[in-house]
Amino acid sequence: MTKILCVDDAPTVLKLLDFTLTEEGYSVCKAAGPDEALTKIESEGPFDIGIFDVNMPGRTGIELTKEVLRTEKGKSMKILILTTESSDAMKSQGKDAGAKGWMIKPFNDEDLLAAVKHLIGP
């Protein structure tokens, strides 16, 4: 079963992600911020996919992406950034950090599931 770590400081977004992904049969773990995400990766990882918000207290999802990909349990995680940020500069920073995808909030379920399936691969 594909394990997905969702990281967002908005409880509503986490609930939506959890519902949508769980309905499709994915195993979902939620974290309300970067510190909690790193703790969950250590205690419950590795995860196949990470879905990270950008604007969170403490550090951004882009900074978290860099950190996660440097850890033993996070180095093979495929990361999708899910954010309200849409500038090419931000997308470029995300790609440079190692993110494999970028999606703008609000998201629709079909687009999210298509992105996840794409990250999982054949």
PDB file of N, CA and C in Angstrom:
ATOM      1  N   MET A   1       0.841  -1.182   0.000  1.00  0.00           N
ATOM      2  CA  MET A   1       0.000   0.000   0.000  1.00  0.00           C
ATOM      3  C   MET A   1       0.891   1.253   0.000  1.00  0.00           C
ATOM      4  N   THR A   2       0.548   2.202  -0.830  1.00  0.00           N
ATOM      5  CA  THR A   2       1.299   3.449  -0.917  1.00  0.00           C
ATOM      6  C   THR A   2       1.057   4.292   0.328  1.00  0.00           C
ATOM      7  N   LYS A   3       2.167   4.728   0.957  1.00  0.00           N
ATOM      8  CA  LYS A   3       2.086   5.561   2.160  1.00  0.00           C
ATOM      9  C   LYS A   3       2.337   7.016   1.784  1.00  0.00           C
ATOM     10  N   ILE A   4       1.426   7.896   2.198  1.00  0.00           N
ATOM     11  CA  ILE A   4       1.503   9.314   1.857  1.00  0.00           C
ATOM     12  C   ILE A   4       1.525  10.149   3.133  1.00  0.00           C
ATOM     13  N   LEU A   5       2.491  11.065   3.208  1.00  0.00           N
ATOM     14  CA  LEU A   5       2.573  12.014   4.315  1.00  0.00           C
ATOM     15  C   LEU A   5       2.072  13.369   3.830  1.00  0.00           C
ATOM     16  N   CYS A   6       1.000  13.876   4.449  1.00  0.00           N
ATOM     17  CA  CYS A   6       0.430  15.183   4.092  1.00  0.00           C
ATOM     18  C   CYS A   6       0.822  16.188   5.178  1.00  0.00           C
ATOM     19  N   VAL A   7       1.410  17.309   4.758  1.00  0.00           N
ATOM     20  CA  VAL A   7       1.875  18.316   5.706  1.00  0.00           C
ATOM     21  C   VAL A   7       1.265  19.667   5.346  1.00  0.00           C
ATOM     22  N   ASP A   8       0.434  20.178   6.261  1.00  0.00           N
ATOM     23  CA  ASP A   8      -0.210  21.476   6.037  1.00  0.00           C
ATOM     24  C   ASP A   8      -0.633  22.012   7.398  1.00  0.00           C
ATOM     25  N   ASP A   9      -0.498  23.322   7.601  1.00  0.00           N
ATOM     26  CA  ASP A   9      -0.893  23.910   8.886  1.00  0.00           C
ATOM     27  C   ASP A   9      -2.387  24.217   8.939  1.00  0.00           C
ATOM     28  N   ALA A  10      -3.112  23.950   7.861  1.00  0.00           N
ATOM     29  CA  ALA A  10      -4.564  24.169   7.834  1.00  0.00           C
ATOM     30  C   ALA A  10      -5.281  22.838   8.063  1.00  0.00           C
ATOM     31  N   PRO A  11      -5.936  22.670   9.209  1.00  0.00           N
ATOM     32  CA  PRO A  11      -6.619  21.401   9.503  1.00  0.00           C
ATOM     33  C   PRO A  11      -7.641  20.988   8.444  1.00  0.00           C
ATOM     34  N   THR A  12      -8.312  21.953   7.837  1.00  0.00           N
ATOM     35  CA  THR A  12      -9.311  21.638   6.814  1.00  0.00           C
ATOM     36  C   THR A  12      -8.672  20.985   5.599  1.00  0.00           C
ATOM     37  N   VAL A  13      -7.515  21.495   5.195  1.00  0.00           N
ATOM     38  CA  VAL A  13      -6.813  20.923   4.038  1.00  0.00           C
ATOM     39  C   VAL A  13      -6.379  19.490   4.367  1.00  0.00           C
ATOM     40  N   LEU A  14      -5.855  19.280   5.571  1.00  0.00           N
ATOM     41  CA  LEU A  14      -5.447  17.930   5.968  1.00  0.00           C
ATOM     42  C   LEU A  14      -6.635  16.967   5.942  1.00  0.00           C
ATOM     43  N   LYS A  15      -7.792  17.423   6.407  1.00  0.00           N
ATOM     44  CA  LYS A  15      -8.989  16.570   6.399  1.00  0.00           C
ATOM     45  C   LYS A  15      -9.395  16.213   4.967  1.00  0.00           C
ATOM     46  N   LEU A  16      -9.368  17.210   4.078  1.00  0.00           N
ATOM     47  CA  LEU A  16      -9.723  16.967   2.676  1.00  0.00           C
ATOM     48  C   LEU A  16      -8.765  15.975   2.024  1.00  0.00           C
ATOM     49  N   LEU A  17      -7.462  16.178   2.254  1.00  0.00           N
ATOM     50  CA  LEU A  17      -6.466  15.270   1.689  1.00  0.00           C
ATOM     51  C   LEU A  17      -6.659  13.861   2.234  1.00  0.00           C
ATOM     52  N   ASP A  18      -6.837  13.765   3.534  1.00  0.00           N
ATOM     53  CA  ASP A  18      -7.021  12.462   4.176  1.00  0.00           C
ATOM     54  C   ASP A  18      -8.226  11.737   3.582  1.00  0.00           C
ATOM     55  N   PHE A  19      -9.349  12.432   3.489  1.00  0.00           N
ATOM     56  CA  PHE A  19     -10.573  11.823   2.962  1.00  0.00           C
ATOM     57  C   PHE A  19     -10.377  11.366   1.515  1.00  0.00           C
ATOM     58  N   THR A  20      -9.876  12.255   0.681  1.00  0.00           N
ATOM     59  CA  THR A  20      -9.724  11.959  -0.748  1.00  0.00           C
ATOM     60  C   THR A  20      -8.776  10.783  -0.979  1.00  0.00           C
ATOM     61  N   LEU A  21      -7.634  10.810  -0.300  1.00  0.00           N
ATOM     62  CA  LEU A  21      -6.620   9.778  -0.530  1.00  0.00           C
ATOM     63  C   LEU A  21      -6.999   8.438   0.116  1.00  0.00           C
ATOM     64  N   THR A  22      -7.604   8.491   1.295  1.00  0.00           N
ATOM     65  CA  THR A  22      -8.009   7.264   1.975  1.00  0.00           C
ATOM     66  C   THR A  22      -9.104   6.548   1.182  1.00  0.00           C
ATOM     67  N   GLU A  23     -10.002   7.322   0.595  1.00  0.00           N
ATOM     68  CA  GLU A  23     -11.076   6.741  -0.227  1.00  0.00           C
ATOM     69  C   GLU A  23     -10.517   5.956  -1.412  1.00  0.00           C
ATOM     70  N   GLU A  24      -9.338   6.360  -1.878  1.00  0.00           N
ATOM     71  CA  GLU A  24      -8.698   5.674  -3.011  1.00  0.00           C
ATOM     72  C   GLU A  24      -7.803   4.522  -2.553  1.00  0.00           C
ATOM     73  N   GLY A  25      -7.757   4.289  -1.238  1.00  0.00           N
ATOM     74  CA  GLY A  25      -7.008   3.149  -0.732  1.00  0.00           C
ATOM     75  C   GLY A  25      -5.572   3.436  -0.311  1.00  0.00           C
ATOM     76  N   TYR A  26      -5.203   4.708  -0.263  1.00  0.00           N
ATOM     77  CA  TYR A  26      -3.851   5.058   0.173  1.00  0.00           C
ATOM     78  C   TYR A  26      -3.788   5.111   1.703  1.00  0.00           C
ATOM     79  N   SER A  27      -2.622   4.835   2.242  1.00  0.00           N
ATOM     80  CA  SER A  27      -2.376   4.982   3.673  1.00  0.00           C
ATOM     81  C   SER A  27      -1.903   6.413   3.909  1.00  0.00           C
ATOM     82  N   VAL A  28      -2.634   7.182   4.709  1.00  0.00           N
ATOM     83  CA  VAL A  28      -2.347   8.606   4.883  1.00  0.00           C
ATOM     84  C   VAL A  28      -1.917   8.900   6.321  1.00  0.00           C
ATOM     85  N   CYS A  29      -0.844   9.672   6.440  1.00  0.00           N
ATOM     86  CA  CYS A  29      -0.369  10.174   7.723  1.00  0.00           C
ATOM     87  C   CYS A  29      -0.378  11.697   7.609  1.00  0.00           C
ATOM     88  N   LYS A  30      -0.842  12.382   8.645  1.00  0.00           N
ATOM     89  CA  LYS A  30      -0.959  13.837   8.583  1.00  0.00           C
ATOM     90  C   LYS A  30      -0.012  14.483   9.585  1.00  0.00           C
ATOM     91  N   ALA A  31       0.538  15.630   9.185  1.00  0.00           N
ATOM     92  CA  ALA A  31       1.374  16.437  10.069  1.00  0.00           C
ATOM     93  C   ALA A  31       0.954  17.888   9.917  1.00  0.00           C
ATOM     94  N   ALA A  32       0.851  18.601  11.061  1.00  0.00           N
ATOM     95  CA  ALA A  32       0.376  19.984  11.053  1.00  0.00           C
ATOM     96  C   ALA A  32       1.489  20.995  10.803  1.00  0.00           C
ATOM     97  N   GLY A  33       2.708  20.529  10.579  1.00  0.00           N
ATOM     98  CA  GLY A  33       3.815  21.439  10.311  1.00  0.00           C
ATOM     99  C   GLY A  33       5.096  20.669  10.057  1.00  0.00           C
ATOM    100  N   PRO A  34       6.154  21.384   9.670  1.00  0.00           N
ATOM    101  CA  PRO A  34       7.424  20.752   9.313  1.00  0.00           C
ATOM    102  C   PRO A  34       8.064  19.924  10.431  1.00  0.00           C
ATOM    103  N   ASP A  35       8.051  20.422  11.657  1.00  0.00           N
ATOM    104  CA  ASP A  35       8.676  19.665  12.743  1.00  0.00           C
ATOM    105  C   ASP A  35       7.972  18.336  12.969  1.00  0.00           C
ATOM    106  N   GLU A  36       6.647  18.378  12.984  1.00  0.00           N
ATOM    107  CA  GLU A  36       5.879  17.148  13.156  1.00  0.00           C
ATOM    108  C   GLU A  36       6.128  16.190  11.990  1.00  0.00           C
ATOM    109  N   ALA A  37       6.261  16.737  10.792  1.00  0.00           N
ATOM    110  CA  ALA A  37       6.525  15.909   9.608  1.00  0.00           C
ATOM    111  C   ALA A  37       7.843  15.157   9.757  1.00  0.00           C
ATOM    112  N   LEU A  38       8.886  15.856  10.182  1.00  0.00           N
ATOM    113  CA  LEU A  38      10.190  15.204  10.344  1.00  0.00           C
ATOM    114  C   LEU A  38      10.132  14.121  11.416  1.00  0.00           C
ATOM    115  N   THR A  39       9.410  14.374  12.481  1.00  0.00           N
ATOM    116  CA  THR A  39       9.236  13.371  13.539  1.00  0.00           C
ATOM    117  C   THR A  39       8.512  12.141  12.998  1.00  0.00           C
ATOM    118  N   LYS A  40       7.465  12.354  12.207  1.00  0.00           N
ATOM    119  CA  LYS A  40       6.691  11.225  11.663  1.00  0.00           C
ATOM    120  C   LYS A  40       7.519  10.426  10.657  1.00  0.00           C
ATOM    121  N   ILE A  41       8.360  11.106   9.888  1.00  0.00           N
ATOM    122  CA  ILE A  41       9.220  10.387   8.940  1.00  0.00           C
ATOM    123  C   ILE A  41      10.157   9.457   9.711  1.00  0.00           C
ATOM    124  N   GLU A  42      10.715   9.954  10.796  1.00  0.00           N
ATOM    125  CA  GLU A  42      11.611   9.131  11.616  1.00  0.00           C
ATOM    126  C   GLU A  42      10.877   7.976  12.281  1.00  0.00           C
ATOM    127  N   SER A  43       9.673   8.243  12.808  1.00  0.00           N
ATOM    128  CA  SER A  43       8.972   7.211  13.581  1.00  0.00           C
ATOM    129  C   SER A  43       8.107   6.286  12.728  1.00  0.00           C
ATOM    130  N   GLU A  44       7.563   6.784  11.615  1.00  0.00           N
ATOM    131  CA  GLU A  44       6.613   5.996  10.835  1.00  0.00           C
ATOM    132  C   GLU A  44       7.036   5.786   9.386  1.00  0.00           C
ATOM    133  N   GLY A  45       8.150   6.410   8.990  1.00  0.00           N
ATOM    134  CA  GLY A  45       8.609   6.323   7.610  1.00  0.00           C
ATOM    135  C   GLY A  45       9.254   4.984   7.324  1.00  0.00           C
ATOM    136  N   PRO A  46       9.671   4.776   6.100  1.00  0.00           N
ATOM    137  CA  PRO A  46       9.613   5.766   5.031  1.00  0.00           C
ATOM    138  C   PRO A  46       8.215   5.865   4.399  1.00  0.00           C
ATOM    139  N   PHE A  47       7.977   7.007   3.775  1.00  0.00           N
ATOM    140  CA  PHE A  47       6.754   7.252   3.027  1.00  0.00           C
ATOM    141  C   PHE A  47       7.094   7.265   1.545  1.00  0.00           C
ATOM    142  N   ASP A  48       6.124   6.884   0.718  1.00  0.00           N
ATOM    143  CA  ASP A  48       6.347   6.888  -0.723  1.00  0.00           C
ATOM    144  C   ASP A  48       6.221   8.298  -1.298  1.00  0.00           C
ATOM    145  N   ILE A  49       5.235   9.038  -0.779  1.00  0.00           N
ATOM    146  CA  ILE A  49       4.922  10.368  -1.311  1.00  0.00           C
ATOM    147  C   ILE A  49       4.736  11.340  -0.157  1.00  0.00           C
ATOM    148  N   GLY A  50       5.181  12.573  -0.364  1.00  0.00           N
ATOM    149  CA  GLY A  50       4.911  13.661   0.563  1.00  0.00           C
ATOM    150  C   GLY A  50       4.124  14.734  -0.169  1.00  0.00           C
ATOM    151  N   ILE A  51       3.079  15.245   0.460  1.00  0.00           N
ATOM    152  CA  ILE A  51       2.317  16.367  -0.100  1.00  0.00           C
ATOM    153  C   ILE A  51       2.490  17.513   0.893  1.00  0.00           C
ATOM    154  N   PHE A  52       3.245  18.531   0.490  1.00  0.00           N
ATOM    155  CA  PHE A  52       3.652  19.604   1.398  1.00  0.00           C
ATOM    156  C   PHE A  52       3.083  20.945   0.967  1.00  0.00           C
ATOM    157  N   ASP A  53       2.557  21.692   1.943  1.00  0.00           N
ATOM    158  CA  ASP A  53       2.192  23.090   1.739  1.00  0.00           C
ATOM    159  C   ASP A  53       3.491  23.898   1.705  1.00  0.00           C
ATOM    160  N   VAL A  54       3.462  25.106   1.158  1.00  0.00           N
ATOM    161  CA  VAL A  54       4.655  25.961   1.169  1.00  0.00           C
ATOM    162  C   VAL A  54       4.669  26.844   2.404  1.00  0.00           C
ATOM    163  N   ASN A  55       3.596  27.603   2.608  1.00  0.00           N
ATOM    164  CA  ASN A  55       3.583  28.608   3.673  1.00  0.00           C
ATOM    165  C   ASN A  55       3.121  28.004   4.998  1.00  0.00           C
ATOM    166  N   MET A  56       4.118  27.686   5.836  1.00  0.00           N
ATOM    167  CA  MET A  56       3.838  27.120   7.155  1.00  0.00           C
ATOM    168  C   MET A  56       4.748  27.795   8.178  1.00  0.00           C
ATOM    169  N   PRO A  57       4.319  27.831   9.432  1.00  0.00           N
ATOM    170  CA  PRO A  57       5.168  28.417  10.468  1.00  0.00           C
ATOM    171  C   PRO A  57       6.443  27.592  10.665  1.00  0.00           C
ATOM    172  N   GLY A  58       7.533  28.283  10.921  1.00  0.00           N
ATOM    173  CA  GLY A  58       8.795  27.592  11.188  1.00  0.00           C
ATOM    174  C   GLY A  58       9.686  27.497   9.976  1.00  0.00           C
ATOM    175  N   ARG A  59       9.214  26.796   8.954  1.00  0.00           N
ATOM    176  CA  ARG A  59       9.945  26.717   7.698  1.00  0.00           C
ATOM    177  C   ARG A  59       8.959  26.417   6.585  1.00  0.00           C
ATOM    178  N   THR A  60       9.370  26.718   5.384  1.00  0.00           N
ATOM    179  CA  THR A  60       8.480  26.519   4.241  1.00  0.00           C
ATOM    180  C   THR A  60       8.499  25.062   3.801  1.00  0.00           C
ATOM    181  N   GLY A  61       7.523  24.702   3.003  1.00  0.00           N
ATOM    182  CA  GLY A  61       7.496  23.365   2.420  1.00  0.00           C
ATOM    183  C   GLY A  61       8.679  23.122   1.507  1.00  0.00           C
ATOM    184  N   ILE A  62       9.214  24.175   0.913  1.00  0.00           N
ATOM    185  CA  ILE A  62      10.403  24.035   0.061  1.00  0.00           C
ATOM    186  C   ILE A  62      11.615  23.686   0.929  1.00  0.00           C
ATOM    187  N   GLU A  63      11.757  24.378   2.054  1.00  0.00           N
ATOM    188  CA  GLU A  63      12.846  24.060   2.985  1.00  0.00           C
ATOM    189  C   GLU A  63      12.667  22.642   3.536  1.00  0.00           C
ATOM    190  N   LEU A  64      11.423  22.270   3.837  1.00  0.00           N
ATOM    191  CA  LEU A  64      11.142  20.933   4.341  1.00  0.00           C
ATOM    192  C   LEU A  64      11.507  19.882   3.295  1.00  0.00           C
ATOM    193  N   THR A  65      11.210  20.155   2.041  1.00  0.00           N
ATOM    194  CA  THR A  65      11.557  19.228   0.960  1.00  0.00           C
ATOM    195  C   THR A  65      13.054  18.943   0.961  1.00  0.00           C
ATOM    196  N   LYS A  66      13.859  19.994   1.021  1.00  0.00           N
ATOM    197  CA  LYS A  66      15.320  19.815   1.053  1.00  0.00           C
ATOM    198  C   LYS A  66      15.742  18.960   2.240  1.00  0.00           C
ATOM    199  N   GLU A  67      15.182  19.265   3.413  1.00  0.00           N
ATOM    200  CA  GLU A  67      15.535  18.524   4.635  1.00  0.00           C
ATOM    201  C   GLU A  67      15.157  17.060   4.528  1.00  0.00           C
ATOM    202  N   VAL A  68      13.936  16.793   4.095  1.00  0.00           N
ATOM    203  CA  VAL A  68      13.435  15.422   4.016  1.00  0.00           C
ATOM    204  C   VAL A  68      14.295  14.588   3.072  1.00  0.00           C
ATOM    205  N   LEU A  69      14.619  15.150   1.918  1.00  0.00           N
ATOM    206  CA  LEU A  69      15.380  14.399   0.919  1.00  0.00           C
ATOM    207  C   LEU A  69      16.824  14.130   1.358  1.00  0.00           C
ATOM    208  N   ARG A  70      17.281  14.806   2.411  1.00  0.00           N
ATOM    209  CA  ARG A  70      18.619  14.549   2.963  1.00  0.00           C
ATOM    210  C   ARG A  70      18.609  13.486   4.063  1.00  0.00           C
ATOM    211  N   THR A  71      17.402  13.075   4.502  1.00  0.00           N
ATOM    212  CA  THR A  71      17.324  12.095   5.582  1.00  0.00           C
ATOM    213  C   THR A  71      17.332  10.672   5.012  1.00  0.00           C
ATOM    214  N   GLU A  72      17.762   9.739   5.832  1.00  0.00           N
ATOM    215  CA  GLU A  72      17.812   8.337   5.406  1.00  0.00           C
ATOM    216  C   GLU A  72      16.425   7.818   5.040  1.00  0.00           C
ATOM    217  N   LYS A  73      15.427   8.092   5.872  1.00  0.00           N
ATOM    218  CA  LYS A  73      14.075   7.577   5.624  1.00  0.00           C
ATOM    219  C   LYS A  73      13.278   8.428   4.630  1.00  0.00           C
ATOM    220  N   GLY A  74      13.786   9.605   4.282  1.00  0.00           N
ATOM    221  CA  GLY A  74      13.051  10.473   3.373  1.00  0.00           C
ATOM    222  C   GLY A  74      13.659  10.611   1.993  1.00  0.00           C
ATOM    223  N   LYS A  75      14.865  10.063   1.809  1.00  0.00           N
ATOM    224  CA  LYS A  75      15.600  10.335   0.570  1.00  0.00           C
ATOM    225  C   LYS A  75      14.914   9.835  -0.699  1.00  0.00           C
ATOM    226  N   SER A  76      14.051   8.816  -0.593  1.00  0.00           N
ATOM    227  CA  SER A  76      13.389   8.313  -1.804  1.00  0.00           C
ATOM    228  C   SER A  76      11.943   8.801  -1.935  1.00  0.00           C
ATOM    229  N   MET A  77      11.521   9.687  -1.027  1.00  0.00           N
ATOM    230  CA  MET A  77      10.150  10.204  -1.076  1.00  0.00           C
ATOM    231  C   MET A  77       9.966  11.109  -2.300  1.00  0.00           C
ATOM    232  N   LYS A  78       8.834  10.935  -2.965  1.00  0.00           N
ATOM    233  CA  LYS A  78       8.484  11.817  -4.085  1.00  0.00           C
ATOM    234  C   LYS A  78       7.564  12.887  -3.521  1.00  0.00           C
ATOM    235  N   ILE A  79       7.933  14.148  -3.742  1.00  0.00           N
ATOM    236  CA  ILE A  79       7.218  15.239  -3.084  1.00  0.00           C
ATOM    237  C   ILE A  79       6.414  16.071  -4.077  1.00  0.00           C
ATOM    238  N   LEU A  80       5.143  16.271  -3.709  1.00  0.00           N
ATOM    239  CA  LEU A  80       4.228  17.135  -4.442  1.00  0.00           C
ATOM    240  C   LEU A  80       3.966  18.355  -3.565  1.00  0.00           C
ATOM    241  N   ILE A  81       4.210  19.528  -4.098  1.00  0.00           N
ATOM    242  CA  ILE A  81       3.914  20.768  -3.378  1.00  0.00           C
ATOM    243  C   ILE A  81       2.466  21.144  -3.689  1.00  0.00           C
ATOM    244  N   LEU A  82       1.683  21.373  -2.644  1.00  0.00           N
ATOM    245  CA  LEU A  82       0.275  21.768  -2.778  1.00  0.00           C
ATOM    246  C   LEU A  82       0.114  23.101  -2.053  1.00  0.00           C
ATOM    247  N   THR A  83      -0.068  24.178  -2.812  1.00  0.00           N
ATOM    248  CA  THR A  83       0.032  25.516  -2.240  1.00  0.00           C
ATOM    249  C   THR A  83      -0.833  26.523  -2.980  1.00  0.00           C
ATOM    250  N   THR A  84      -0.971  27.700  -2.387  1.00  0.00           N
ATOM    251  CA  THR A  84      -1.624  28.811  -3.080  1.00  0.00           C
ATOM    252  C   THR A  84      -0.621  29.592  -3.928  1.00  0.00           C
ATOM    253  N   GLU A  85       0.659  29.308  -3.748  1.00  0.00           N
ATOM    254  CA  GLU A  85       1.712  30.006  -4.493  1.00  0.00           C
ATOM    255  C   GLU A  85       1.724  29.531  -5.946  1.00  0.00           C
ATOM    256  N   SER A  86       1.734  30.478  -6.876  1.00  0.00           N
ATOM    257  CA  SER A  86       1.693  30.080  -8.283  1.00  0.00           C
ATOM    258  C   SER A  86       2.782  30.728  -9.136  1.00  0.00           C
ATOM    259  N   SER A  87       3.691  31.475  -8.528  1.00  0.00           N
ATOM    260  CA  SER A  87       4.712  32.157  -9.328  1.00  0.00           C
ATOM    261  C   SER A  87       5.738  31.169  -9.877  1.00  0.00           C
ATOM    262  N   ASP A  88       6.253  31.494 -11.059  1.00  0.00           N
ATOM    263  CA  ASP A  88       7.267  30.638 -11.667  1.00  0.00           C
ATOM    264  C   ASP A  88       8.521  30.566 -10.793  1.00  0.00           C
ATOM    265  N   ALA A  89       8.834  31.660 -10.106  1.00  0.00           N
ATOM    266  CA  ALA A  89      10.012  31.681  -9.229  1.00  0.00           C
ATOM    267  C   ALA A  89       9.858  30.667  -8.096  1.00  0.00           C
ATOM    268  N   MET A  90       8.667  30.613  -7.495  1.00  0.00           N
ATOM    269  CA  MET A  90       8.424  29.652  -6.417  1.00  0.00           C
ATOM    270  C   MET A  90       8.458  28.226  -6.956  1.00  0.00           C
ATOM    271  N   LYS A  91       7.849  27.999  -8.095  1.00  0.00           N
ATOM    272  CA  LYS A  91       7.855  26.663  -8.698  1.00  0.00           C
ATOM    273  C   LYS A  91       9.287  26.217  -8.975  1.00  0.00           C
ATOM    274  N   SER A  92      10.099  27.144  -9.448  1.00  0.00           N
ATOM    275  CA  SER A  92      11.498  26.844  -9.729  1.00  0.00           C
ATOM    276  C   SER A  92      12.250  26.475  -8.453  1.00  0.00           C
ATOM    277  N   GLN A  93      11.979  27.215  -7.361  1.00  0.00           N
ATOM    278  CA  GLN A  93      12.608  26.889  -6.073  1.00  0.00           C
ATOM    279  C   GLN A  93      12.201  25.495  -5.617  1.00  0.00           C
ATOM    280  N   GLY A  94      10.943  25.157  -5.804  1.00  0.00           N
ATOM    281  CA  GLY A  94      10.457  23.833  -5.422  1.00  0.00           C
ATOM    282  C   GLY A  94      11.138  22.733  -6.217  1.00  0.00           C
ATOM    283  N   LYS A  95      11.249  22.951  -7.505  1.00  0.00           N
ATOM    284  CA  LYS A  95      11.907  21.964  -8.366  1.00  0.00           C
ATOM    285  C   LYS A  95      13.374  21.811  -7.972  1.00  0.00           C
ATOM    286  N   ASP A  96      14.031  22.937  -7.743  1.00  0.00           N
ATOM    287  CA  ASP A  96      15.444  22.903  -7.332  1.00  0.00           C
ATOM    288  C   ASP A  96      15.624  22.177  -6.000  1.00  0.00           C
ATOM    289  N   ALA A  97      14.623  22.260  -5.127  1.00  0.00           N
ATOM    290  CA  ALA A  97      14.687  21.603  -3.821  1.00  0.00           C
ATOM    291  C   ALA A  97      14.482  20.094  -3.946  1.00  0.00           C
ATOM    292  N   GLY A  98      13.912  19.660  -5.075  1.00  0.00           N
ATOM    293  CA  GLY A  98      13.696  18.238  -5.297  1.00  0.00           C
ATOM    294  C   GLY A  98      12.250  17.812  -5.416  1.00  0.00           C
ATOM    295  N   ALA A  99      11.313  18.768  -5.387  1.00  0.00           N
ATOM    296  CA  ALA A  99       9.890  18.433  -5.538  1.00  0.00           C
ATOM    297  C   ALA A  99       9.637  17.919  -6.956  1.00  0.00           C
ATOM    298  N   LYS A 100       8.783  16.918  -7.056  1.00  0.00           N
ATOM    299  CA  LYS A 100       8.480  16.307  -8.351  1.00  0.00           C
ATOM    300  C   LYS A 100       7.217  16.869  -8.992  1.00  0.00           C
ATOM    301  N   GLY A 101       6.441  17.638  -8.217  1.00  0.00           N
ATOM    302  CA  GLY A 101       5.207  18.188  -8.758  1.00  0.00           C
ATOM    303  C   GLY A 101       4.772  19.420  -7.991  1.00  0.00           C
ATOM    304  N   TRP A 102       3.892  20.202  -8.593  1.00  0.00           N
ATOM    305  CA  TRP A 102       3.393  21.449  -8.009  1.00  0.00           C
ATOM    306  C   TRP A 102       1.927  21.564  -8.342  1.00  0.00           C
ATOM    307  N   MET A 103       1.085  21.739  -7.332  1.00  0.00           N
ATOM    308  CA  MET A 103      -0.345  21.875  -7.557  1.00  0.00           C
ATOM    309  C   MET A 103      -0.865  23.075  -6.760  1.00  0.00           C
ATOM    310  N   ILE A 104      -1.783  23.797  -7.365  1.00  0.00           N
ATOM    311  CA  ILE A 104      -2.324  25.009  -6.752  1.00  0.00           C
ATOM    312  C   ILE A 104      -3.614  24.685  -5.994  1.00  0.00           C
ATOM    313  N   LYS A 105      -3.732  25.273  -4.785  1.00  0.00           N
ATOM    314  CA  LYS A 105      -4.982  25.194  -4.010  1.00  0.00           C
ATOM    315  C   LYS A 105      -5.923  26.278  -4.511  1.00  0.00           C
ATOM    316  N   PRO A 106      -7.209  26.097  -4.442  1.00  0.00           N
ATOM    317  CA  PRO A 106      -7.857  24.852  -4.050  1.00  0.00           C
ATOM    318  C   PRO A 106      -7.689  23.790  -5.137  1.00  0.00           C
ATOM    319  N   PHE A 107      -7.571  22.541  -4.729  1.00  0.00           N
ATOM    320  CA  PHE A 107      -7.372  21.453  -5.667  1.00  0.00           C
ATOM    321  C   PHE A 107      -8.687  20.732  -5.900  1.00  0.00           C
ATOM    322  N   ASN A 108      -8.777  20.056  -7.049  1.00  0.00           N
ATOM    323  CA  ASN A 108      -9.927  19.173  -7.216  1.00  0.00           C
ATOM    324  C   ASN A 108      -9.427  17.739  -7.093  1.00  0.00           C
ATOM    325  N   ASP A 109     -10.289  16.883  -6.600  1.00  0.00           N
ATOM    326  CA  ASP A 109      -9.897  15.513  -6.257  1.00  0.00           C
ATOM    327  C   ASP A 109      -9.275  14.771  -7.437  1.00  0.00           C
ATOM    328  N   GLU A 110      -9.860  14.905  -8.600  1.00  0.00           N
ATOM    329  CA  GLU A 110      -9.361  14.169  -9.765  1.00  0.00           C
ATOM    330  C   GLU A 110      -7.938  14.576 -10.107  1.00  0.00           C
ATOM    331  N   ASP A 111      -7.649  15.874 -10.057  1.00  0.00           N
ATOM    332  CA  ASP A 111      -6.294  16.345 -10.364  1.00  0.00           C
ATOM    333  C   ASP A 111      -5.289  15.844  -9.323  1.00  0.00           C
ATOM    334  N   LEU A 112      -5.694  15.878  -8.061  1.00  0.00           N
ATOM    335  CA  LEU A 112      -4.813  15.398  -6.998  1.00  0.00           C
ATOM    336  C   LEU A 112      -4.518  13.910  -7.184  1.00  0.00           C
ATOM    337  N   LEU A 113      -5.548  13.127  -7.411  1.00  0.00           N
ATOM    338  CA  LEU A 113      -5.356  11.683  -7.575  1.00  0.00           C
ATOM    339  C   LEU A 113      -4.524  11.366  -8.813  1.00  0.00           C
ATOM    340  N   ALA A 114      -4.716  12.138  -9.884  1.00  0.00           N
ATOM    341  CA  ALA A 114      -3.908  11.938 -11.093  1.00  0.00           C
ATOM    342  C   ALA A 114      -2.433  12.244 -10.802  1.00  0.00           C
ATOM    343  N   ALA A 115      -2.184  13.308 -10.044  1.00  0.00           N
ATOM    344  CA  ALA A 115      -0.802  13.670  -9.701  1.00  0.00           C
ATOM    345  C   ALA A 115      -0.160  12.587  -8.840  1.00  0.00           C
ATOM    346  N   VAL A 116      -0.897  12.064  -7.876  1.00  0.00           N
ATOM    347  CA  VAL A 116      -0.378  11.003  -7.009  1.00  0.00           C
ATOM    348  C   VAL A 116      -0.063   9.752  -7.825  1.00  0.00           C
ATOM    349  N   LYS A 117      -0.990   9.378  -8.700  1.00  0.00           N
ATOM    350  CA  LYS A 117      -0.769   8.187  -9.551  1.00  0.00           C
ATOM    351  C   LYS A 117       0.454   8.382 -10.440  1.00  0.00           C
ATOM    352  N   HIS A 118       0.630   9.595 -10.933  1.00  0.00           N
ATOM    353  CA  HIS A 118       1.799   9.894 -11.763  1.00  0.00           C
ATOM    354  C   HIS A 118       3.097   9.733 -10.959  1.00  0.00           C
ATOM    355  N   LEU A 119       3.091  10.206  -9.710  1.00  0.00           N
ATOM    356  CA  LEU A 119       4.281  10.096  -8.868  1.00  0.00           C
ATOM    357  C   LEU A 119       4.593   8.643  -8.531  1.00  0.00           C
ATOM    358  N   ILE A 120       3.555   7.837  -8.331  1.00  0.00           N
ATOM    359  CA  ILE A 120       3.773   6.420  -8.020  1.00  0.00           C
ATOM    360  C   ILE A 120       4.407   5.713  -9.213  1.00  0.00           C
ATOM    361  N   GLY A 121       3.967   6.103 -10.403  1.00  0.00           N
ATOM    362  CA  GLY A 121       4.529   5.499 -11.612  1.00  0.00           C
ATOM    363  C   GLY A 121       3.845   4.178 -11.958  1.00  0.00           C
ATOM    364  N   PRO A 122       4.380   3.505 -12.991  1.00  0.00           N
ATOM    365  CA  PRO A 122       3.750   2.274 -13.474  1.00  0.00           C
ATOM    366  C   PRO A 122       3.817   1.142 -12.457  1.00  0.00           C
TER     367      PRO A 122
END
